[in-house]
Protein backbone atom coordinates (compact mmCIF):
# COMPACT_ATOMS: atom_id res chain seq x y z
CA MET A 1 37.47 -14.56 -91.93
CA ASN A 2 38.14 -11.62 -89.62
CA THR A 3 40.96 -13.45 -87.86
CA ILE A 4 42.55 -14.62 -91.11
CA GLY A 5 42.29 -11.08 -92.48
CA ARG A 6 43.94 -9.61 -89.38
CA MET A 7 46.75 -12.17 -89.46
CA LEU A 8 47.52 -11.47 -93.12
CA TRP A 9 46.81 -7.73 -93.01
CA VAL A 10 44.00 -7.90 -95.56
CA ALA A 11 40.26 -7.23 -95.49
CA PRO A 12 38.01 -10.08 -94.35
CA SER A 13 36.28 -10.01 -97.73
CA THR A 14 39.64 -10.67 -99.43
CA ALA A 15 40.25 -13.70 -97.19
CA LEU A 16 36.75 -14.95 -98.01
CA CYS A 17 37.46 -14.62 -101.75
CA TRP A 18 40.69 -16.60 -101.32
CA VAL A 19 38.87 -19.37 -99.49
CA ARG A 20 36.08 -19.50 -102.10
CA ASN A 21 38.55 -19.58 -105.00
CA PHE A 22 40.53 -22.35 -103.32
CA ALA A 23 37.36 -24.37 -102.71
CA LEU A 24 36.30 -24.02 -106.35
CA LYS A 25 39.69 -25.26 -107.57
CA VAL A 26 39.97 -28.19 -105.16
CA TYR A 27 36.35 -29.42 -104.95
CA GLU A 28 35.52 -32.65 -106.79
CA LYS A 29 31.94 -33.84 -106.84
CA SER A 30 31.73 -37.51 -105.93
CA THR A 31 29.90 -39.85 -108.26
CA LEU A 32 28.02 -43.03 -107.48
CA GLN A 33 29.81 -46.04 -108.83
CA GLY A 34 27.38 -48.91 -109.05
CA GLY A 35 25.42 -47.59 -106.10
CA MET A 36 21.70 -47.55 -105.54
CA VAL A 37 19.78 -44.39 -104.71
CA VAL A 38 16.71 -44.91 -102.53
CA LYS A 39 14.35 -42.11 -101.55
CA LEU A 40 13.68 -41.77 -97.86
CA ASP A 41 9.96 -42.52 -98.21
CA GLU A 42 10.80 -45.73 -100.10
CA MET A 43 13.38 -46.90 -97.57
CA ARG A 44 10.90 -48.92 -95.50
CA HIS A 45 9.70 -50.91 -98.52
CA PHE A 46 13.27 -51.35 -99.76
CA LEU A 47 14.48 -52.74 -96.44
CA ARG A 48 11.42 -54.95 -95.97
CA ASP A 49 11.81 -56.53 -99.43
CA HIS A 50 15.53 -57.14 -98.99
CA PHE A 51 15.01 -58.59 -95.53
CA ILE A 52 12.42 -61.04 -96.92
CA ILE A 53 14.83 -62.12 -99.69
CA LEU A 54 17.71 -62.54 -97.23
CA PHE A 55 15.52 -64.52 -94.84
CA ALA A 56 14.37 -66.81 -97.69
CA VAL A 57 17.97 -67.46 -98.77
CA LEU A 58 18.97 -68.28 -95.20
CA LEU A 59 16.09 -70.74 -94.89
CA ILE A 60 17.15 -72.45 -98.11
CA LEU A 61 20.76 -72.74 -96.97
CA ILE A 62 19.85 -74.16 -93.58
């Protein structure tokens, strides 16, 4: 912010306010669209169960 302030002849706090205001106007929070949220401690069980299902389907197809 110091460099931006020096380049534009304003205080660094003013440049910081500009950046914060710009970020608030532009920022869009992403949303999950049909996604699945898995907690980190549940990831092992999630992957194990899906691997078993995938393996079973592959055995049936072969």
